mmCIF file of all heavy atoms, coordinates in Angstrom:
data_MODEL
# 
_entry.id   MODEL 
# 
loop_
_atom_site.group_PDB 
_atom_site.id 
_atom_site.type_symbol 
_atom_site.label_atom_id 
_atom_site.label_alt_id 
_atom_site.label_comp_id 
_atom_site.label_asym_id 
_atom_site.label_entity_id 
_atom_site.label_seq_id 
_atom_site.pdbx_PDB_ins_code 
_atom_site.Cartn_x 
_atom_site.Cartn_y 
_atom_site.Cartn_z 
_atom_site.occupancy 
_atom_site.B_iso_or_equiv 
_atom_site.pdbx_formal_charge 
_atom_site.auth_seq_id 
_atom_site.auth_comp_id 
_atom_site.auth_asym_id 
_atom_site.auth_atom_id 
_atom_site.pdbx_PDB_model_num 
ATOM 1   N N   . LEU A 1 1  ? -125.831 53.978 -37.478 1.00 0.00 ? 1  LEU A N   1 
ATOM 2   C CA  . LEU A 1 1  ? -124.804 54.118 -38.451 1.00 0.00 ? 1  LEU A CA  1 
ATOM 3   C C   . LEU A 1 1  ? -123.508 54.764 -37.779 1.00 0.00 ? 1  LEU A C   1 
ATOM 4   O O   . LEU A 1 1  ? -122.367 54.230 -38.019 1.00 0.00 ? 1  LEU A O   1 
ATOM 5   C CB  . LEU A 1 1  ? -125.146 55.111 -39.614 1.00 0.00 ? 1  LEU A CB  1 
ATOM 6   C CG  . LEU A 1 1  ? -124.129 55.257 -40.712 1.00 0.00 ? 1  LEU A CG  1 
ATOM 7   C CD1 . LEU A 1 1  ? -123.826 53.941 -41.307 1.00 0.00 ? 1  LEU A CD1 1 
ATOM 8   C CD2 . LEU A 1 1  ? -124.669 56.242 -41.775 1.00 0.00 ? 1  LEU A CD2 1 
ATOM 9   N N   . ASP A 1 2  ? -123.678 55.734 -36.939 1.00 0.00 ? 2  ASP A N   1 
ATOM 10  C CA  . ASP A 1 2  ? -122.410 56.308 -36.269 1.00 0.00 ? 2  ASP A CA  1 
ATOM 11  C C   . ASP A 1 2  ? -121.680 55.353 -35.451 1.00 0.00 ? 2  ASP A C   1 
ATOM 12  O O   . ASP A 1 2  ? -120.482 55.285 -35.415 1.00 0.00 ? 2  ASP A O   1 
ATOM 13  C CB  . ASP A 1 2  ? -122.848 57.579 -35.449 1.00 0.00 ? 2  ASP A CB  1 
ATOM 14  C CG  . ASP A 1 2  ? -123.191 58.747 -36.286 1.00 0.00 ? 2  ASP A CG  1 
ATOM 15  O OD1 . ASP A 1 2  ? -122.722 58.866 -37.453 1.00 0.00 ? 2  ASP A OD1 1 
ATOM 16  O OD2 . ASP A 1 2  ? -123.967 59.613 -35.809 1.00 0.00 ? 2  ASP A OD2 1 
ATOM 17  N N   . ASP A 1 3  ? -122.542 54.530 -34.719 1.00 0.00 ? 3  ASP A N   1 
ATOM 18  C CA  . ASP A 1 3  ? -121.872 53.483 -33.892 1.00 0.00 ? 3  ASP A CA  1 
ATOM 19  C C   . ASP A 1 3  ? -121.295 52.372 -34.620 1.00 0.00 ? 3  ASP A C   1 
ATOM 20  O O   . ASP A 1 3  ? -120.191 51.857 -34.317 1.00 0.00 ? 3  ASP A O   1 
ATOM 21  C CB  . ASP A 1 3  ? -122.884 52.897 -32.831 1.00 0.00 ? 3  ASP A CB  1 
ATOM 22  C CG  . ASP A 1 3  ? -123.304 53.913 -31.734 1.00 0.00 ? 3  ASP A CG  1 
ATOM 23  O OD1 . ASP A 1 3  ? -122.431 54.864 -31.501 1.00 0.00 ? 3  ASP A OD1 1 
ATOM 24  O OD2 . ASP A 1 3  ? -124.275 53.789 -31.152 1.00 0.00 ? 3  ASP A OD2 1 
ATOM 25  N N   . SER A 1 4  ? -121.865 52.047 -35.817 1.00 0.00 ? 4  SER A N   1 
ATOM 26  C CA  . SER A 1 4  ? -121.314 51.162 -36.644 1.00 0.00 ? 4  SER A CA  1 
ATOM 27  C C   . SER A 1 4  ? -120.047 51.576 -37.184 1.00 0.00 ? 4  SER A C   1 
ATOM 28  O O   . SER A 1 4  ? -119.115 50.727 -37.293 1.00 0.00 ? 4  SER A O   1 
ATOM 29  C CB  . SER A 1 4  ? -122.378 50.831 -37.859 1.00 0.00 ? 4  SER A CB  1 
ATOM 30  O OG  . SER A 1 4  ? -123.584 50.242 -37.404 1.00 0.00 ? 4  SER A OG  1 
ATOM 31  N N   . ILE A 1 5  ? -119.912 52.751 -37.626 1.00 0.00 ? 5  ILE A N   1 
ATOM 32  C CA  . ILE A 1 5  ? -118.651 53.361 -38.131 1.00 0.00 ? 5  ILE A CA  1 
ATOM 33  C C   . ILE A 1 5  ? -117.541 53.285 -37.161 1.00 0.00 ? 5  ILE A C   1 
ATOM 34  O O   . ILE A 1 5  ? -116.449 52.914 -37.347 1.00 0.00 ? 5  ILE A O   1 
ATOM 35  C CB  . ILE A 1 5  ? -118.952 54.714 -38.756 1.00 0.00 ? 5  ILE A CB  1 
ATOM 36  C CG1 . ILE A 1 5  ? -119.821 54.688 -40.027 1.00 0.00 ? 5  ILE A CG1 1 
ATOM 37  C CG2 . ILE A 1 5  ? -117.652 55.379 -39.088 1.00 0.00 ? 5  ILE A CG2 1 
ATOM 38  C CD1 . ILE A 1 5  ? -120.269 55.988 -40.532 1.00 0.00 ? 5  ILE A CD1 1 
ATOM 39  N N   . LYS A 1 6  ? -117.924 53.818 -35.940 1.00 0.00 ? 6  LYS A N   1 
ATOM 40  C CA  . LYS A 1 6  ? -116.884 53.812 -34.829 1.00 0.00 ? 6  LYS A CA  1 
ATOM 41  C C   . LYS A 1 6  ? -116.439 52.352 -34.511 1.00 0.00 ? 6  LYS A C   1 
ATOM 42  O O   . LYS A 1 6  ? -115.227 52.212 -34.335 1.00 0.00 ? 6  LYS A O   1 
ATOM 43  C CB  . LYS A 1 6  ? -117.574 54.401 -33.598 1.00 0.00 ? 6  LYS A CB  1 
ATOM 44  C CG  . LYS A 1 6  ? -117.710 55.895 -33.688 1.00 0.00 ? 6  LYS A CG  1 
ATOM 45  C CD  . LYS A 1 6  ? -118.345 56.536 -32.400 1.00 0.00 ? 6  LYS A CD  1 
ATOM 46  C CE  . LYS A 1 6  ? -118.702 58.013 -32.580 1.00 0.00 ? 6  LYS A CE  1 
ATOM 47  N NZ  . LYS A 1 6  ? -119.497 58.469 -31.458 1.00 0.00 ? 6  LYS A NZ  1 
ATOM 48  N N   . SER A 1 7  ? -117.474 51.478 -34.446 1.00 0.00 ? 7  SER A N   1 
ATOM 49  C CA  . SER A 1 7  ? -117.040 50.028 -34.222 1.00 0.00 ? 7  SER A CA  1 
ATOM 50  C C   . SER A 1 7  ? -116.116 49.488 -35.329 1.00 0.00 ? 7  SER A C   1 
ATOM 51  O O   . SER A 1 7  ? -115.201 48.808 -35.102 1.00 0.00 ? 7  SER A O   1 
ATOM 52  C CB  . SER A 1 7  ? -118.302 49.179 -34.042 1.00 0.00 ? 7  SER A CB  1 
ATOM 53  O OG  . SER A 1 7  ? -119.000 49.500 -32.941 1.00 0.00 ? 7  SER A OG  1 
ATOM 54  N N   . PHE A 1 8  ? -116.510 49.772 -36.577 1.00 0.00 ? 8  PHE A N   1 
ATOM 55  C CA  . PHE A 1 8  ? -115.790 49.363 -37.716 1.00 0.00 ? 8  PHE A CA  1 
ATOM 56  C C   . PHE A 1 8  ? -114.265 49.857 -37.583 1.00 0.00 ? 8  PHE A C   1 
ATOM 57  O O   . PHE A 1 8  ? -113.324 49.122 -37.781 1.00 0.00 ? 8  PHE A O   1 
ATOM 58  C CB  . PHE A 1 8  ? -116.415 49.743 -39.024 1.00 0.00 ? 8  PHE A CB  1 
ATOM 59  C CG  . PHE A 1 8  ? -115.617 49.323 -40.216 1.00 0.00 ? 8  PHE A CG  1 
ATOM 60  C CD1 . PHE A 1 8  ? -115.636 48.041 -40.706 1.00 0.00 ? 8  PHE A CD1 1 
ATOM 61  C CD2 . PHE A 1 8  ? -114.794 50.203 -40.842 1.00 0.00 ? 8  PHE A CD2 1 
ATOM 62  C CE1 . PHE A 1 8  ? -115.017 47.589 -41.856 1.00 0.00 ? 8  PHE A CE1 1 
ATOM 63  C CE2 . PHE A 1 8  ? -114.049 49.813 -42.025 1.00 0.00 ? 8  PHE A CE2 1 
ATOM 64  C CZ  . PHE A 1 8  ? -114.213 48.553 -42.445 1.00 0.00 ? 8  PHE A CZ  1 
ATOM 65  N N   . GLU A 1 9  ? -114.186 51.125 -37.389 1.00 0.00 ? 9  GLU A N   1 
ATOM 66  C CA  . GLU A 1 9  ? -112.849 51.735 -37.287 1.00 0.00 ? 9  GLU A CA  1 
ATOM 67  C C   . GLU A 1 9  ? -112.119 51.083 -36.167 1.00 0.00 ? 9  GLU A C   1 
ATOM 68  O O   . GLU A 1 9  ? -110.879 50.882 -36.230 1.00 0.00 ? 9  GLU A O   1 
ATOM 69  C CB  . GLU A 1 9  ? -113.001 53.242 -37.083 1.00 0.00 ? 9  GLU A CB  1 
ATOM 70  C CG  . GLU A 1 9  ? -113.471 53.963 -38.248 1.00 0.00 ? 9  GLU A CG  1 
ATOM 71  C CD  . GLU A 1 9  ? -113.875 55.468 -38.028 1.00 0.00 ? 9  GLU A CD  1 
ATOM 72  O OE1 . GLU A 1 9  ? -113.978 55.820 -36.921 1.00 0.00 ? 9  GLU A OE1 1 
ATOM 73  O OE2 . GLU A 1 9  ? -113.898 56.160 -39.053 1.00 0.00 ? 9  GLU A OE2 1 
ATOM 74  N N   . GLU A 1 10 ? -112.706 50.882 -35.042 1.00 0.00 ? 10 GLU A N   1 
ATOM 75  C CA  . GLU A 1 10 ? -111.971 50.253 -33.965 1.00 0.00 ? 10 GLU A CA  1 
ATOM 76  C C   . GLU A 1 10 ? -111.578 48.850 -34.327 1.00 0.00 ? 10 GLU A C   1 
ATOM 77  O O   . GLU A 1 10 ? -110.460 48.483 -33.984 1.00 0.00 ? 10 GLU A O   1 
ATOM 78  C CB  . GLU A 1 10 ? -112.899 50.136 -32.672 1.00 0.00 ? 10 GLU A CB  1 
ATOM 79  C CG  . GLU A 1 10 ? -112.207 49.552 -31.485 1.00 0.00 ? 10 GLU A CG  1 
ATOM 80  C CD  . GLU A 1 10 ? -113.040 49.490 -30.220 1.00 0.00 ? 10 GLU A CD  1 
ATOM 81  O OE1 . GLU A 1 10 ? -114.224 49.852 -30.245 1.00 0.00 ? 10 GLU A OE1 1 
ATOM 82  O OE2 . GLU A 1 10 ? -112.609 48.993 -29.158 1.00 0.00 ? 10 GLU A OE2 1 
ATOM 83  N N   . GLY A 1 11 ? -112.407 48.118 -34.961 1.00 0.00 ? 11 GLY A N   1 
ATOM 84  C CA  . GLY A 1 11 ? -112.054 46.847 -35.549 1.00 0.00 ? 11 GLY A CA  1 
ATOM 85  C C   . GLY A 1 11 ? -110.924 46.808 -36.437 1.00 0.00 ? 11 GLY A C   1 
ATOM 86  O O   . GLY A 1 11 ? -109.983 45.878 -36.354 1.00 0.00 ? 11 GLY A O   1 
ATOM 87  N N   . VAL A 1 12 ? -110.855 47.736 -37.359 1.00 0.00 ? 12 VAL A N   1 
ATOM 88  C CA  . VAL A 1 12 ? -109.738 47.891 -38.298 1.00 0.00 ? 12 VAL A CA  1 
ATOM 89  C C   . VAL A 1 12 ? -108.408 48.130 -37.525 1.00 0.00 ? 12 VAL A C   1 
ATOM 90  O O   . VAL A 1 12 ? -107.420 47.450 -37.764 1.00 0.00 ? 12 VAL A O   1 
ATOM 91  C CB  . VAL A 1 12 ? -109.947 48.984 -39.314 1.00 0.00 ? 12 VAL A CB  1 
ATOM 92  C CG1 . VAL A 1 12 ? -108.705 49.266 -40.041 1.00 0.00 ? 12 VAL A CG1 1 
ATOM 93  C CG2 . VAL A 1 12 ? -111.136 48.597 -40.227 1.00 0.00 ? 12 VAL A CG2 1 
ATOM 94  N N   . MET A 1 13 ? -108.527 48.927 -36.442 1.00 0.00 ? 13 MET A N   1 
ATOM 95  C CA  . MET A 1 13 ? -107.306 49.173 -35.671 1.00 0.00 ? 13 MET A CA  1 
ATOM 96  C C   . MET A 1 13 ? -106.878 47.853 -34.941 1.00 0.00 ? 13 MET A C   1 
ATOM 97  O O   . MET A 1 13 ? -105.662 47.612 -34.853 1.00 0.00 ? 13 MET A O   1 
ATOM 98  C CB  . MET A 1 13 ? -107.525 50.303 -34.643 1.00 0.00 ? 13 MET A CB  1 
ATOM 99  C CG  . MET A 1 13 ? -107.549 51.724 -35.315 1.00 0.00 ? 13 MET A CG  1 
ATOM 100 S SD  . MET A 1 13 ? -107.677 53.156 -34.298 1.00 0.00 ? 13 MET A SD  1 
ATOM 101 C CE  . MET A 1 13 ? -108.079 52.568 -32.670 1.00 0.00 ? 13 MET A CE  1 
ATOM 102 N N   . LEU A 1 14 ? -107.753 47.222 -34.410 1.00 0.00 ? 14 LEU A N   1 
ATOM 103 C CA  . LEU A 1 14 ? -107.421 45.940 -33.697 1.00 0.00 ? 14 LEU A CA  1 
ATOM 104 C C   . LEU A 1 14 ? -106.864 44.909 -34.683 1.00 0.00 ? 14 LEU A C   1 
ATOM 105 O O   . LEU A 1 14 ? -105.988 44.268 -34.339 1.00 0.00 ? 14 LEU A O   1 
ATOM 106 C CB  . LEU A 1 14 ? -108.738 45.372 -33.012 1.00 0.00 ? 14 LEU A CB  1 
ATOM 107 C CG  . LEU A 1 14 ? -109.269 46.058 -31.722 1.00 0.00 ? 14 LEU A CG  1 
ATOM 108 C CD1 . LEU A 1 14 ? -110.682 45.648 -31.369 1.00 0.00 ? 14 LEU A CD1 1 
ATOM 109 C CD2 . LEU A 1 14 ? -108.342 45.966 -30.648 1.00 0.00 ? 14 LEU A CD2 1 
ATOM 110 N N   . VAL A 1 15 ? -107.454 44.790 -35.906 1.00 0.00 ? 15 VAL A N   1 
ATOM 111 C CA  . VAL A 1 15 ? -106.887 43.891 -36.799 1.00 0.00 ? 15 VAL A CA  1 
ATOM 112 C C   . VAL A 1 15 ? -105.462 44.210 -37.106 1.00 0.00 ? 15 VAL A C   1 
ATOM 113 O O   . VAL A 1 15 ? -104.587 43.401 -37.170 1.00 0.00 ? 15 VAL A O   1 
ATOM 114 C CB  . VAL A 1 15 ? -107.815 43.871 -38.109 1.00 0.00 ? 15 VAL A CB  1 
ATOM 115 C CG1 . VAL A 1 15 ? -107.056 43.192 -39.277 1.00 0.00 ? 15 VAL A CG1 1 
ATOM 116 C CG2 . VAL A 1 15 ? -109.010 43.178 -37.881 1.00 0.00 ? 15 VAL A CG2 1 
ATOM 117 N N   . LYS A 1 16 ? -105.212 45.503 -37.347 1.00 0.00 ? 16 LYS A N   1 
ATOM 118 C CA  . LYS A 1 16 ? -103.755 45.917 -37.647 1.00 0.00 ? 16 LYS A CA  1 
ATOM 119 C C   . LYS A 1 16 ? -102.874 45.551 -36.533 1.00 0.00 ? 16 LYS A C   1 
ATOM 120 O O   . LYS A 1 16 ? -101.738 45.163 -36.727 1.00 0.00 ? 16 LYS A O   1 
ATOM 121 C CB  . LYS A 1 16 ? -103.808 47.393 -38.057 1.00 0.00 ? 16 LYS A CB  1 
ATOM 122 C CG  . LYS A 1 16 ? -104.393 47.716 -39.272 1.00 0.00 ? 16 LYS A CG  1 
ATOM 123 C CD  . LYS A 1 16 ? -104.231 49.304 -39.576 1.00 0.00 ? 16 LYS A CD  1 
ATOM 124 C CE  . LYS A 1 16 ? -104.957 49.532 -40.825 1.00 0.00 ? 16 LYS A CE  1 
ATOM 125 N NZ  . LYS A 1 16 ? -104.877 51.001 -41.279 1.00 0.00 ? 16 LYS A NZ  1 
ATOM 126 N N   . GLU A 1 17 ? -103.332 45.809 -35.336 1.00 0.00 ? 17 GLU A N   1 
ATOM 127 C CA  . GLU A 1 17 ? -102.486 45.474 -34.108 1.00 0.00 ? 17 GLU A CA  1 
ATOM 128 C C   . GLU A 1 17 ? -102.219 43.961 -33.991 1.00 0.00 ? 17 GLU A C   1 
ATOM 129 O O   . GLU A 1 17 ? -101.077 43.573 -33.776 1.00 0.00 ? 17 GLU A O   1 
ATOM 130 C CB  . GLU A 1 17 ? -103.182 46.074 -32.825 1.00 0.00 ? 17 GLU A CB  1 
ATOM 131 C CG  . GLU A 1 17 ? -102.414 45.756 -31.564 1.00 0.00 ? 17 GLU A CG  1 
ATOM 132 C CD  . GLU A 1 17 ? -100.983 46.409 -31.578 1.00 0.00 ? 17 GLU A CD  1 
ATOM 133 O OE1 . GLU A 1 17 ? -100.780 47.471 -32.194 1.00 0.00 ? 17 GLU A OE1 1 
ATOM 134 O OE2 . GLU A 1 17 ? -100.039 45.878 -30.991 1.00 0.00 ? 17 GLU A OE2 1 
ATOM 135 N N   . CYS A 1 18 ? -103.288 43.257 -34.273 1.00 0.00 ? 18 CYS A N   1 
ATOM 136 C CA  . CYS A 1 18 ? -103.087 41.794 -34.220 1.00 0.00 ? 18 CYS A CA  1 
ATOM 137 C C   . CYS A 1 18 ? -102.161 41.268 -35.334 1.00 0.00 ? 18 CYS A C   1 
ATOM 138 O O   . CYS A 1 18 ? -101.193 40.487 -35.019 1.00 0.00 ? 18 CYS A O   1 
ATOM 139 C CB  . CYS A 1 18 ? -104.463 41.108 -34.313 1.00 0.00 ? 18 CYS A CB  1 
ATOM 140 S SG  . CYS A 1 18 ? -105.530 41.184 -32.878 1.00 0.00 ? 18 CYS A SG  1 
ATOM 141 N N   . GLN A 1 19 ? -102.276 41.812 -36.518 1.00 0.00 ? 19 GLN A N   1 
ATOM 142 C CA  . GLN A 1 19 ? -101.418 41.505 -37.604 1.00 0.00 ? 19 GLN A CA  1 
ATOM 143 C C   . GLN A 1 19 ? -99.910  41.906 -37.242 1.00 0.00 ? 19 GLN A C   1 
ATOM 144 O O   . GLN A 1 19 ? -99.052  41.045 -37.527 1.00 0.00 ? 19 GLN A O   1 
ATOM 145 C CB  . GLN A 1 19 ? -101.806 42.087 -38.814 1.00 0.00 ? 19 GLN A CB  1 
ATOM 146 C CG  . GLN A 1 19 ? -103.078 41.533 -39.487 1.00 0.00 ? 19 GLN A CG  1 
ATOM 147 C CD  . GLN A 1 19 ? -103.541 42.330 -40.735 1.00 0.00 ? 19 GLN A CD  1 
ATOM 148 O OE1 . GLN A 1 19 ? -103.296 43.467 -40.774 1.00 0.00 ? 19 GLN A OE1 1 
ATOM 149 N NE2 . GLN A 1 19 ? -104.162 41.558 -41.619 1.00 0.00 ? 19 GLN A NE2 1 
ATOM 150 N N   . LYS A 1 20 ? -99.704  42.960 -36.660 1.00 0.00 ? 20 LYS A N   1 
ATOM 151 C CA  . LYS A 1 20 ? -98.442  43.442 -36.221 1.00 0.00 ? 20 LYS A CA  1 
ATOM 152 C C   . LYS A 1 20 ? -97.821  42.511 -35.188 1.00 0.00 ? 20 LYS A C   1 
ATOM 153 O O   . LYS A 1 20 ? -96.633  42.020 -35.281 1.00 0.00 ? 20 LYS A O   1 
ATOM 154 C CB  . LYS A 1 20 ? -98.477  44.839 -35.708 1.00 0.00 ? 20 LYS A CB  1 
ATOM 155 C CG  . LYS A 1 20 ? -97.191  45.394 -35.168 1.00 0.00 ? 20 LYS A CG  1 
ATOM 156 C CD  . LYS A 1 20 ? -97.280  46.705 -34.572 1.00 0.00 ? 20 LYS A CD  1 
ATOM 157 C CE  . LYS A 1 20 ? -95.996  47.102 -33.851 1.00 0.00 ? 20 LYS A CE  1 
ATOM 158 N NZ  . LYS A 1 20 ? -96.216  48.362 -33.010 1.00 0.00 ? 20 LYS A NZ  1 
ATOM 159 N N   . GLN A 1 21 ? -98.591  42.083 -34.277 1.00 0.00 ? 21 GLN A N   1 
ATOM 160 C CA  . GLN A 1 21 ? -98.117  41.189 -33.222 1.00 0.00 ? 21 GLN A CA  1 
ATOM 161 C C   . GLN A 1 21 ? -97.793  39.810 -33.801 1.00 0.00 ? 21 GLN A C   1 
ATOM 162 O O   . GLN A 1 21 ? -96.745  39.231 -33.391 1.00 0.00 ? 21 GLN A O   1 
ATOM 163 C CB  . GLN A 1 21 ? -99.149  41.094 -32.042 1.00 0.00 ? 21 GLN A CB  1 
ATOM 164 C CG  . GLN A 1 21 ? -99.281  42.346 -31.246 1.00 0.00 ? 21 GLN A CG  1 
ATOM 165 C CD  . GLN A 1 21 ? -100.371 42.208 -30.243 1.00 0.00 ? 21 GLN A CD  1 
ATOM 166 O OE1 . GLN A 1 21 ? -100.955 41.175 -29.965 1.00 0.00 ? 21 GLN A OE1 1 
ATOM 167 N NE2 . GLN A 1 21 ? -100.546 43.297 -29.546 1.00 0.00 ? 21 GLN A NE2 1 
ATOM 168 N N   . LEU A 1 22 ? -98.582  39.309 -34.732 1.00 0.00 ? 22 LEU A N   1 
ATOM 169 C CA  . LEU A 1 22 ? -98.355  38.068 -35.378 1.00 0.00 ? 22 LEU A CA  1 
ATOM 170 C C   . LEU A 1 22 ? -97.083  38.123 -36.212 1.00 0.00 ? 22 LEU A C   1 
ATOM 171 O O   . LEU A 1 22 ? -96.281  37.128 -36.271 1.00 0.00 ? 22 LEU A O   1 
ATOM 172 C CB  . LEU A 1 22 ? -99.554  37.624 -36.171 1.00 0.00 ? 22 LEU A CB  1 
ATOM 173 C CG  . LEU A 1 22 ? -100.807 37.157 -35.519 1.00 0.00 ? 22 LEU A CG  1 
ATOM 174 C CD1 . LEU A 1 22 ? -101.923 36.871 -36.463 1.00 0.00 ? 22 LEU A CD1 1 
ATOM 175 C CD2 . LEU A 1 22 ? -100.469 35.857 -34.625 1.00 0.00 ? 22 LEU A CD2 1 
ATOM 176 N N   . SER A 1 23 ? -96.876  39.191 -36.948 1.00 0.00 ? 23 SER A N   1 
ATOM 177 C CA  . SER A 1 23 ? -95.682  39.315 -37.701 1.00 0.00 ? 23 SER A CA  1 
ATOM 178 C C   . SER A 1 23 ? -94.460  39.390 -36.843 1.00 0.00 ? 23 SER A C   1 
ATOM 179 O O   . SER A 1 23 ? -93.376  38.745 -37.161 1.00 0.00 ? 23 SER A O   1 
ATOM 180 C CB  . SER A 1 23 ? -95.672  40.618 -38.574 1.00 0.00 ? 23 SER A CB  1 
ATOM 181 O OG  . SER A 1 23 ? -96.759  40.603 -39.492 1.00 0.00 ? 23 SER A OG  1 
ATOM 182 N N   . GLU A 1 24 ? -94.526  40.044 -35.654 1.00 0.00 ? 24 GLU A N   1 
ATOM 183 C CA  . GLU A 1 24 ? -93.363  40.119 -34.827 1.00 0.00 ? 24 GLU A CA  1 
ATOM 184 C C   . GLU A 1 24 ? -93.111  38.705 -34.279 1.00 0.00 ? 24 GLU A C   1 
ATOM 185 O O   . GLU A 1 24 ? -91.927  38.323 -34.145 1.00 0.00 ? 24 GLU A O   1 
ATOM 186 C CB  . GLU A 1 24 ? -93.694  41.065 -33.663 1.00 0.00 ? 24 GLU A CB  1 
ATOM 187 C CG  . GLU A 1 24 ? -93.675  42.594 -34.117 1.00 0.00 ? 24 GLU A CG  1 
ATOM 188 C CD  . GLU A 1 24 ? -94.087  43.421 -33.084 1.00 0.00 ? 24 GLU A CD  1 
ATOM 189 O OE1 . GLU A 1 24 ? -94.568  43.041 -31.951 1.00 0.00 ? 24 GLU A OE1 1 
ATOM 190 O OE2 . GLU A 1 24 ? -94.120  44.720 -33.272 1.00 0.00 ? 24 GLU A OE2 1 
ATOM 191 N N   . ALA A 1 25 ? -94.135  37.964 -33.906 1.00 0.00 ? 25 ALA A N   1 
ATOM 192 C CA  . ALA A 1 25 ? -93.939  36.635 -33.426 1.00 0.00 ? 25 ALA A CA  1 
ATOM 193 C C   . ALA A 1 25 ? -93.350  35.762 -34.457 1.00 0.00 ? 25 ALA A C   1 
ATOM 194 O O   . ALA A 1 25 ? -92.395  34.952 -34.233 1.00 0.00 ? 25 ALA A O   1 
ATOM 195 C CB  . ALA A 1 25 ? -95.253  36.065 -32.876 1.00 0.00 ? 25 ALA A CB  1 
ATOM 196 N N   . GLU A 1 26 ? -93.843  35.908 -35.682 1.00 0.00 ? 26 GLU A N   1 
ATOM 197 C CA  . GLU A 1 26 ? -93.234  35.025 -36.809 1.00 0.00 ? 26 GLU A CA  1 
ATOM 198 C C   . GLU A 1 26 ? -91.832  35.406 -37.023 1.00 0.00 ? 26 GLU A C   1 
ATOM 199 O O   . GLU A 1 26 ? -90.910  34.429 -37.259 1.00 0.00 ? 26 GLU A O   1 
ATOM 200 C CB  . GLU A 1 26 ? -94.069  35.353 -38.036 1.00 0.00 ? 26 GLU A CB  1 
ATOM 201 C CG  . GLU A 1 26 ? -93.618  34.517 -39.252 1.00 0.00 ? 26 GLU A CG  1 
ATOM 202 C CD  . GLU A 1 26 ? -94.439  34.791 -40.544 1.00 0.00 ? 26 GLU A CD  1 
ATOM 203 O OE1 . GLU A 1 26 ? -95.232  35.785 -40.485 1.00 0.00 ? 26 GLU A OE1 1 
ATOM 204 O OE2 . GLU A 1 26 ? -94.257  34.038 -41.479 1.00 0.00 ? 26 GLU A OE2 1 
ATOM 205 N N   . LEU A 1 27 ? -91.381  36.710 -36.839 1.00 0.00 ? 27 LEU A N   1 
ATOM 206 C CA  . LEU A 1 27 ? -90.118  37.040 -37.137 1.00 0.00 ? 27 LEU A CA  1 
ATOM 207 C C   . LEU A 1 27 ? -89.184  36.481 -35.957 1.00 0.00 ? 27 LEU A C   1 
ATOM 208 O O   . LEU A 1 27 ? -88.116  35.988 -36.288 1.00 0.00 ? 27 LEU A O   1 
ATOM 209 C CB  . LEU A 1 27 ? -90.073  38.614 -37.084 1.00 0.00 ? 27 LEU A CB  1 
ATOM 210 C CG  . LEU A 1 27 ? -88.562  39.140 -37.367 1.00 0.00 ? 27 LEU A CG  1 
ATOM 211 C CD1 . LEU A 1 27 ? -87.953  38.782 -38.725 1.00 0.00 ? 27 LEU A CD1 1 
ATOM 212 C CD2 . LEU A 1 27 ? -88.611  40.684 -37.225 1.00 0.00 ? 27 LEU A CD2 1 
ATOM 213 N N   . LYS A 1 28 ? -89.679  36.462 -34.715 1.00 0.00 ? 28 LYS A N   1 
ATOM 214 C CA  . LYS A 1 28 ? -88.881  35.911 -33.660 1.00 0.00 ? 28 LYS A CA  1 
ATOM 215 C C   . LYS A 1 28 ? -88.669  34.395 -33.925 1.00 0.00 ? 28 LYS A C   1 
ATOM 216 O O   . LYS A 1 28 ? -87.537  33.906 -33.679 1.00 0.00 ? 28 LYS A O   1 
ATOM 217 C CB  . LYS A 1 28 ? -89.626  36.075 -32.401 1.00 0.00 ? 28 LYS A CB  1 
ATOM 218 C CG  . LYS A 1 28 ? -89.561  37.520 -31.785 1.00 0.00 ? 28 LYS A CG  1 
ATOM 219 C CD  . LYS A 1 28 ? -90.235  37.664 -30.447 1.00 0.00 ? 28 LYS A CD  1 
ATOM 220 C CE  . LYS A 1 28 ? -90.132  39.043 -29.975 1.00 0.00 ? 28 LYS A CE  1 
ATOM 221 N NZ  . LYS A 1 28 ? -90.915  39.170 -28.661 1.00 0.00 ? 28 LYS A NZ  1 
ATOM 222 N N   . VAL A 1 29 ? -89.664  33.669 -34.343 1.00 0.00 ? 29 VAL A N   1 
ATOM 223 C CA  . VAL A 1 29 ? -89.516  32.308 -34.583 1.00 0.00 ? 29 VAL A CA  1 
ATOM 224 C C   . VAL A 1 29 ? -88.642  31.981 -35.742 1.00 0.00 ? 29 VAL A C   1 
ATOM 225 O O   . VAL A 1 29 ? -87.750  31.084 -35.601 1.00 0.00 ? 29 VAL A O   1 
ATOM 226 C CB  . VAL A 1 29 ? -90.933  31.672 -34.934 1.00 0.00 ? 29 VAL A CB  1 
ATOM 227 C CG1 . VAL A 1 29 ? -90.807  30.213 -35.385 1.00 0.00 ? 29 VAL A CG1 1 
ATOM 228 C CG2 . VAL A 1 29 ? -91.804  31.678 -33.665 1.00 0.00 ? 29 VAL A CG2 1 
# 
């Protein structure tokens, strides 16, 4: 469970970072 929670939290941070980068790319275009 502890590793699952840590992995989930890392995944959420990665999703947010990817969304940010996609939004920035969309804005540039």
